[in-house]
Amino acid sequence: MENFTPLSALIGGTFIGLGALLLMAALGRIAGISGIASQAIFQKQDRSWRLAFVAGLLLGPLLVALVISDFSFSTPELGPRTLIAGLLVGLGTAWGSGCTSGHGVCGIGRFSPRSITATLVFMAVGVLVASLF
């Protein structure tokens, strides 16, 4: 099981949870990436922390790669399939009133029925699509 990395998953999950907790404690905001990113682009109010949050998401792996010599990550090819998939994800987050990070990480932790339902639906659809393709 070459891809089974429980220690790095535990460390990464802990940092994601701490980041979400810190954002909630400091600003009273939910760490839903789609909402943060879209409002950083389309809304002037509270833009600075949103841009800093998105910049941290983009720069984080680069900084870790500088510190850890055997760290690697991949980026998807920017082709038509990737663009269509991105648009569909954006559409789904708009229809679902949030994304996996907002519902799955933050909403379940707050015992939100809407987030629990949304997470169950997108996990089931993800399993179904992965099984079919």
N, C-alpha and C. Protein backbone atom coordinates (compact mmCIF):
# COMPACT_ATOMS: atom_id res chain seq x y z
N MET A 1 0.84 -1.18 0.00
CA MET A 1 0.00 0.00 0.00
C MET A 1 0.88 1.24 0.00
N GLU A 2 1.36 1.54 -1.13
CA GLU A 2 2.30 2.65 -1.31
C GLU A 2 1.70 4.01 -0.99
N ASN A 3 0.42 4.20 -1.26
CA ASN A 3 -0.21 5.50 -1.05
C ASN A 3 -0.84 5.65 0.33
N PHE A 4 -0.73 4.64 1.18
CA PHE A 4 -1.31 4.70 2.52
C PHE A 4 -0.35 5.45 3.43
N THR A 5 -0.69 6.68 3.77
CA THR A 5 0.19 7.54 4.57
C THR A 5 -0.60 8.12 5.74
N PRO A 6 -0.88 7.31 6.76
CA PRO A 6 -1.73 7.80 7.84
C PRO A 6 -1.11 8.93 8.65
N LEU A 7 0.20 8.93 8.82
CA LEU A 7 0.82 9.99 9.62
C LEU A 7 0.70 11.34 8.93
N SER A 8 1.01 11.40 7.66
CA SER A 8 0.90 12.68 6.95
C SER A 8 -0.57 13.11 6.85
N ALA A 9 -1.49 12.14 6.70
CA ALA A 9 -2.92 12.48 6.67
C ALA A 9 -3.37 13.03 8.01
N LEU A 10 -2.88 12.45 9.09
CA LEU A 10 -3.23 12.93 10.43
C LEU A 10 -2.70 14.34 10.66
N ILE A 11 -1.47 14.57 10.26
CA ILE A 11 -0.87 15.90 10.41
C ILE A 11 -1.62 16.93 9.56
N GLY A 12 -1.87 16.58 8.30
CA GLY A 12 -2.59 17.50 7.42
C GLY A 12 -3.99 17.79 7.90
N GLY A 13 -4.71 16.74 8.32
CA GLY A 13 -6.07 16.93 8.83
C GLY A 13 -6.10 17.78 10.09
N THR A 14 -5.08 17.59 10.93
CA THR A 14 -4.99 18.40 12.15
C THR A 14 -4.80 19.87 11.81
N PHE A 15 -3.93 20.15 10.85
CA PHE A 15 -3.72 21.54 10.45
C PHE A 15 -4.95 22.15 9.79
N ILE A 16 -5.67 21.37 9.01
CA ILE A 16 -6.91 21.87 8.40
C ILE A 16 -7.93 22.20 9.50
N GLY A 17 -8.08 21.29 10.46
CA GLY A 17 -9.00 21.54 11.56
C GLY A 17 -8.60 22.73 12.41
N LEU A 18 -7.30 22.86 12.69
CA LEU A 18 -6.84 24.01 13.46
C LEU A 18 -7.04 25.32 12.70
N GLY A 19 -6.81 25.29 11.40
CA GLY A 19 -7.04 26.49 10.59
C GLY A 19 -8.50 26.90 10.59
N ALA A 20 -9.39 25.91 10.45
CA ALA A 20 -10.83 26.20 10.48
C ALA A 20 -11.24 26.72 11.85
N LEU A 21 -10.69 26.12 12.90
CA LEU A 21 -11.00 26.57 14.27
C LEU A 21 -10.49 27.99 14.51
N LEU A 22 -9.29 28.27 14.05
CA LEU A 22 -8.71 29.60 14.23
C LEU A 22 -9.52 30.66 13.49
N LEU A 23 -9.94 30.36 12.26
CA LEU A 23 -10.76 31.31 11.50
C LEU A 23 -12.09 31.56 12.20
N MET A 24 -12.69 30.49 12.74
CA MET A 24 -13.97 30.65 13.45
C MET A 24 -13.77 31.44 14.74
N ALA A 25 -12.71 31.13 15.48
CA ALA A 25 -12.47 31.81 16.75
C ALA A 25 -12.08 33.28 16.55
N ALA A 26 -11.25 33.54 15.55
CA ALA A 26 -10.74 34.90 15.36
C ALA A 26 -11.73 35.82 14.65
N LEU A 27 -12.40 35.30 13.61
CA LEU A 27 -13.26 36.16 12.80
C LEU A 27 -14.72 35.73 12.78
N GLY A 28 -15.02 34.59 13.41
CA GLY A 28 -16.40 34.10 13.39
C GLY A 28 -16.82 33.65 12.01
N ARG A 29 -15.88 33.21 11.19
CA ARG A 29 -16.15 32.81 9.81
C ARG A 29 -15.93 31.33 9.61
N ILE A 30 -16.67 30.75 8.68
CA ILE A 30 -16.53 29.34 8.33
C ILE A 30 -15.50 29.22 7.21
N ALA A 31 -14.62 28.24 7.32
CA ALA A 31 -13.55 28.04 6.33
C ALA A 31 -14.06 27.25 5.13
N GLY A 32 -15.03 27.80 4.45
CA GLY A 32 -15.53 27.22 3.20
C GLY A 32 -14.77 27.85 2.05
N ILE A 33 -13.94 27.07 1.40
CA ILE A 33 -13.01 27.61 0.41
C ILE A 33 -13.74 28.26 -0.77
N SER A 34 -14.81 27.64 -1.26
CA SER A 34 -15.49 28.22 -2.42
C SER A 34 -16.08 29.59 -2.09
N GLY A 35 -16.65 29.73 -0.91
CA GLY A 35 -17.21 31.02 -0.50
C GLY A 35 -16.13 32.06 -0.28
N ILE A 36 -15.04 31.65 0.36
CA ILE A 36 -13.94 32.58 0.61
C ILE A 36 -13.35 33.05 -0.72
N ALA A 37 -13.11 32.12 -1.63
CA ALA A 37 -12.50 32.49 -2.92
C ALA A 37 -13.43 33.37 -3.75
N SER A 38 -14.71 33.01 -3.84
CA SER A 38 -15.62 33.81 -4.67
C SER A 38 -15.83 35.19 -4.08
N GLN A 39 -15.92 35.28 -2.75
CA GLN A 39 -16.12 36.60 -2.14
C GLN A 39 -14.85 37.43 -2.19
N ALA A 40 -13.69 36.79 -2.24
CA ALA A 40 -12.43 37.54 -2.41
C ALA A 40 -12.40 38.21 -3.78
N ILE A 41 -13.03 37.57 -4.75
CA ILE A 41 -13.05 38.11 -6.12
C ILE A 41 -14.17 39.13 -6.29
N PHE A 42 -15.37 38.81 -5.82
CA PHE A 42 -16.55 39.60 -6.16
C PHE A 42 -17.04 40.55 -5.08
N GLN A 43 -16.45 40.53 -3.90
CA GLN A 43 -16.93 41.38 -2.81
C GLN A 43 -15.79 42.23 -2.27
N LYS A 44 -16.04 43.50 -2.05
CA LYS A 44 -14.99 44.38 -1.53
C LYS A 44 -14.85 44.31 -0.02
N GLN A 45 -15.94 44.05 0.67
CA GLN A 45 -15.92 44.00 2.13
C GLN A 45 -15.16 42.77 2.61
N ASP A 46 -14.29 42.94 3.60
CA ASP A 46 -13.50 41.84 4.18
C ASP A 46 -12.62 41.13 3.16
N ARG A 47 -12.19 41.80 2.14
CA ARG A 47 -11.42 41.16 1.08
C ARG A 47 -10.01 40.78 1.52
N SER A 48 -9.40 41.55 2.41
CA SER A 48 -7.99 41.32 2.74
C SER A 48 -7.77 39.95 3.40
N TRP A 49 -8.59 39.57 4.37
CA TRP A 49 -8.36 38.27 5.00
C TRP A 49 -8.68 37.14 4.05
N ARG A 50 -9.64 37.35 3.15
CA ARG A 50 -9.98 36.32 2.17
C ARG A 50 -8.84 36.10 1.18
N LEU A 51 -8.24 37.19 0.71
CA LEU A 51 -7.09 37.06 -0.19
C LEU A 51 -5.90 36.42 0.52
N ALA A 52 -5.69 36.76 1.78
CA ALA A 52 -4.60 36.15 2.56
C ALA A 52 -4.86 34.64 2.73
N PHE A 53 -6.10 34.27 2.96
CA PHE A 53 -6.45 32.86 3.13
C PHE A 53 -6.18 32.08 1.84
N VAL A 54 -6.62 32.62 0.71
CA VAL A 54 -6.40 31.96 -0.58
C VAL A 54 -4.90 31.91 -0.90
N ALA A 55 -4.19 32.99 -0.62
CA ALA A 55 -2.74 33.00 -0.85
C ALA A 55 -2.05 31.92 0.00
N GLY A 56 -2.50 31.75 1.23
CA GLY A 56 -1.94 30.71 2.09
C GLY A 56 -2.18 29.32 1.52
N LEU A 57 -3.36 29.10 0.93
CA LEU A 57 -3.65 27.81 0.31
C LEU A 57 -2.72 27.53 -0.87
N LEU A 58 -2.43 28.57 -1.62
CA LEU A 58 -1.58 28.40 -2.79
C LEU A 58 -0.09 28.33 -2.44
N LEU A 59 0.32 29.12 -1.47
CA LEU A 59 1.74 29.17 -1.11
C LEU A 59 2.15 28.09 -0.12
N GLY A 60 1.20 27.55 0.64
CA GLY A 60 1.51 26.54 1.65
C GLY A 60 2.32 25.36 1.12
N PRO A 61 1.85 24.69 0.05
CA PRO A 61 2.62 23.56 -0.48
C PRO A 61 4.01 23.97 -0.97
N LEU A 62 4.12 25.15 -1.52
CA LEU A 62 5.44 25.61 -2.00
C LEU A 62 6.40 25.82 -0.84
N LEU A 63 5.91 26.38 0.25
CA LEU A 63 6.76 26.58 1.42
C LEU A 63 7.16 25.25 2.06
N VAL A 64 6.22 24.32 2.12
CA VAL A 64 6.54 23.00 2.67
C VAL A 64 7.58 22.31 1.80
N ALA A 65 7.46 22.44 0.48
CA ALA A 65 8.43 21.83 -0.43
C ALA A 65 9.83 22.40 -0.22
N LEU A 66 9.93 23.65 0.19
CA LEU A 66 11.24 24.23 0.48
C LEU A 66 11.86 23.65 1.75
N VAL A 67 11.01 23.27 2.70
CA VAL A 67 11.49 22.77 3.99
C VAL A 67 11.73 21.26 3.95
N ILE A 68 10.84 20.52 3.32
CA ILE A 68 10.93 19.06 3.28
C ILE A 68 11.42 18.65 1.89
N SER A 69 12.58 18.03 1.84
CA SER A 69 13.23 17.75 0.55
C SER A 69 12.48 16.72 -0.29
N ASP A 70 11.83 15.72 0.31
CA ASP A 70 11.16 14.70 -0.49
C ASP A 70 9.66 14.95 -0.65
N PHE A 71 9.22 16.17 -0.39
CA PHE A 71 7.81 16.53 -0.53
C PHE A 71 7.51 16.76 -2.01
N SER A 72 6.42 16.19 -2.48
CA SER A 72 6.03 16.42 -3.87
C SER A 72 4.52 16.60 -3.94
N PHE A 73 4.09 17.33 -4.91
CA PHE A 73 2.67 17.51 -5.17
C PHE A 73 2.51 17.66 -6.67
N SER A 74 1.31 17.42 -7.14
CA SER A 74 1.07 17.52 -8.57
C SER A 74 -0.01 18.55 -8.84
N THR A 75 0.02 19.06 -10.01
CA THR A 75 -1.02 20.00 -10.44
C THR A 75 -1.71 19.40 -11.66
N PRO A 76 -3.01 19.60 -11.79
CA PRO A 76 -3.72 19.02 -12.93
C PRO A 76 -3.36 19.73 -14.23
N GLU A 77 -3.47 18.98 -15.31
CA GLU A 77 -3.29 19.61 -16.62
C GLU A 77 -4.46 20.55 -16.87
N LEU A 78 -4.17 21.72 -17.39
CA LEU A 78 -5.22 22.70 -17.62
C LEU A 78 -5.76 22.53 -19.03
N GLY A 79 -6.61 21.52 -19.19
CA GLY A 79 -7.23 21.24 -20.48
C GLY A 79 -8.73 21.45 -20.40
N PRO A 80 -9.42 21.14 -21.48
CA PRO A 80 -10.87 21.33 -21.51
C PRO A 80 -11.60 20.54 -20.41
N ARG A 81 -11.17 19.30 -20.15
CA ARG A 81 -11.83 18.50 -19.12
C ARG A 81 -11.68 19.14 -17.74
N THR A 82 -10.51 19.67 -17.46
CA THR A 82 -10.27 20.30 -16.16
C THR A 82 -11.11 21.56 -16.03
N LEU A 83 -11.19 22.35 -17.08
CA LEU A 83 -11.99 23.57 -17.05
C LEU A 83 -13.48 23.26 -16.86
N ILE A 84 -13.97 22.25 -17.59
CA ILE A 84 -15.38 21.85 -17.45
C ILE A 84 -15.64 21.33 -16.04
N ALA A 85 -14.71 20.52 -15.52
CA ALA A 85 -14.87 19.99 -14.16
C ALA A 85 -14.89 21.13 -13.15
N GLY A 86 -14.03 22.11 -13.33
CA GLY A 86 -14.01 23.26 -12.42
C GLY A 86 -15.31 24.04 -12.45
N LEU A 87 -15.85 24.23 -13.65
CA LEU A 87 -17.13 24.92 -13.77
C LEU A 87 -18.26 24.13 -13.11
N LEU A 88 -18.25 22.80 -13.27
CA LEU A 88 -19.28 21.97 -12.64
C LEU A 88 -19.15 22.00 -11.12
N VAL A 89 -17.93 22.00 -10.61
CA VAL A 89 -17.74 22.09 -9.16
C VAL A 89 -18.25 23.44 -8.66
N GLY A 90 -17.94 24.51 -9.38
CA GLY A 90 -18.43 25.83 -9.00
C GLY A 90 -19.95 25.89 -9.00
N LEU A 91 -20.56 25.29 -10.00
CA LEU A 91 -22.02 25.25 -10.08
C LEU A 91 -22.59 24.44 -8.91
N GLY A 92 -21.96 23.32 -8.61
CA GLY A 92 -22.42 22.49 -7.49
C GLY A 92 -22.29 23.19 -6.15
N THR A 93 -21.21 23.94 -5.96
CA THR A 93 -21.06 24.65 -4.70
C THR A 93 -22.09 25.78 -4.58
N ALA A 94 -22.44 26.38 -5.70
CA ALA A 94 -23.48 27.42 -5.65
C ALA A 94 -24.85 26.80 -5.33
N TRP A 95 -25.16 25.69 -5.98
CA TRP A 95 -26.44 25.02 -5.73
C TRP A 95 -26.50 24.43 -4.33
N GLY A 96 -25.37 23.92 -3.84
CA GLY A 96 -25.34 23.27 -2.53
C GLY A 96 -25.05 24.21 -1.38
N SER A 97 -24.98 25.50 -1.68
CA SER A 97 -24.68 26.52 -0.66
C SER A 97 -23.39 26.23 0.09
N GLY A 98 -22.38 25.78 -0.64
CA GLY A 98 -21.09 25.55 -0.01
C GLY A 98 -20.35 24.39 -0.64
N CYS A 99 -19.13 24.20 -0.18
CA CYS A 99 -18.27 23.16 -0.75
C CYS A 99 -17.93 22.12 0.31
N THR A 100 -17.09 21.19 -0.08
CA THR A 100 -16.72 20.11 0.83
C THR A 100 -16.05 20.63 2.09
N SER A 101 -15.25 21.66 1.98
CA SER A 101 -14.59 22.18 3.17
C SER A 101 -15.58 22.88 4.10
N GLY A 102 -16.48 23.64 3.54
CA GLY A 102 -17.46 24.33 4.38
C GLY A 102 -18.44 23.36 5.03
N HIS A 103 -18.98 22.44 4.23
CA HIS A 103 -19.94 21.49 4.78
C HIS A 103 -19.25 20.36 5.55
N GLY A 104 -18.25 19.75 4.93
CA GLY A 104 -17.63 18.56 5.51
C GLY A 104 -16.75 18.84 6.71
N VAL A 105 -15.92 19.84 6.63
CA VAL A 105 -15.00 20.13 7.73
C VAL A 105 -15.68 20.98 8.80
N CYS A 106 -16.31 22.05 8.39
CA CYS A 106 -16.87 22.99 9.37
C CYS A 106 -18.31 22.68 9.75
N GLY A 107 -19.14 22.31 8.79
CA GLY A 107 -20.56 22.09 9.07
C GLY A 107 -20.82 20.88 9.93
N ILE A 108 -20.13 19.78 9.66
CA ILE A 108 -20.33 18.58 10.47
C ILE A 108 -19.87 18.84 11.90
N GLY A 109 -18.76 19.58 12.05
CA GLY A 109 -18.27 19.91 13.39
C GLY A 109 -19.25 20.76 14.18
N ARG A 110 -20.13 21.49 13.48
CA ARG A 110 -21.14 22.31 14.15
C ARG A 110 -22.48 21.59 14.22
N PHE A 111 -22.51 20.32 13.82
CA PHE A 111 -23.73 19.50 13.83
C PHE A 111 -24.84 20.11 12.99
N SER A 112 -24.47 20.72 11.86
CA SER A 112 -25.46 21.31 10.97
C SER A 112 -26.14 20.21 10.15
N PRO A 113 -27.48 20.05 10.28
CA PRO A 113 -28.17 19.02 9.49
C PRO A 113 -27.98 19.21 7.99
N ARG A 114 -28.01 20.47 7.54
CA ARG A 114 -27.82 20.75 6.11
C ARG A 114 -26.45 20.30 5.64
N SER A 115 -25.42 20.55 6.46
CA SER A 115 -24.07 20.16 6.09
C SER A 115 -23.87 18.65 6.14
N ILE A 116 -24.48 18.01 7.11
CA ILE A 116 -24.38 16.55 7.20
C ILE A 116 -25.04 15.92 5.97
N THR A 117 -26.20 16.42 5.59
CA THR A 117 -26.89 15.92 4.41
C THR A 117 -26.06 16.18 3.15
N ALA A 118 -25.55 17.38 3.01
CA ALA A 118 -24.75 17.72 1.84
C ALA A 118 -23.51 16.83 1.75
N THR A 119 -22.85 16.60 2.87
CA THR A 119 -21.65 15.77 2.87
C THR A 119 -21.98 14.33 2.49
N LEU A 120 -23.06 13.79 3.02
CA LEU A 120 -23.48 12.44 2.65
C LEU A 120 -23.77 12.34 1.15
N VAL A 121 -24.43 13.36 0.60
CA VAL A 121 -24.76 13.35 -0.83
C VAL A 121 -23.50 13.43 -1.68
N PHE A 122 -22.59 14.38 -1.39
CA PHE A 122 -21.43 14.46 -2.29
C PHE A 122 -20.45 13.31 -2.10
N MET A 123 -20.41 12.70 -0.92
CA MET A 123 -19.59 11.50 -0.75
C MET A 123 -20.18 10.33 -1.53
N ALA A 124 -21.50 10.15 -1.47
CA ALA A 124 -22.16 9.06 -2.20
C ALA A 124 -21.97 9.24 -3.71
N VAL A 125 -22.15 10.45 -4.19
CA VAL A 125 -21.96 10.71 -5.62
C VAL A 125 -20.51 10.49 -6.02
N GLY A 126 -19.57 10.90 -5.15
CA GLY A 126 -18.14 10.69 -5.44
C GLY A 126 -17.81 9.20 -5.54
N VAL A 127 -18.33 8.41 -4.62
CA VAL A 127 -18.09 6.96 -4.67
C VAL A 127 -18.70 6.37 -5.94
N LEU A 128 -19.91 6.79 -6.28
CA LEU A 128 -20.57 6.30 -7.47
C LEU A 128 -19.79 6.64 -8.74
N VAL A 129 -19.38 7.88 -8.87
CA VAL A 129 -18.65 8.31 -10.06
C VAL A 129 -17.29 7.61 -10.14
N ALA A 130 -16.59 7.50 -9.00
CA ALA A 130 -15.31 6.82 -9.00
C ALA A 130 -15.47 5.34 -9.38
N SER A 131 -16.55 4.73 -8.96
CA SER A 131 -16.80 3.33 -9.28
C SER A 131 -17.12 3.15 -10.78
N LEU A 132 -17.84 4.10 -11.34
CA LEU A 132 -18.23 4.00 -12.74
C LEU A 132 -17.06 4.31 -13.68
N PHE A 133 -16.21 5.23 -13.29
CA PHE A 133 -15.14 5.65 -14.19
C PHE A 133 -13.80 5.18 -13.70
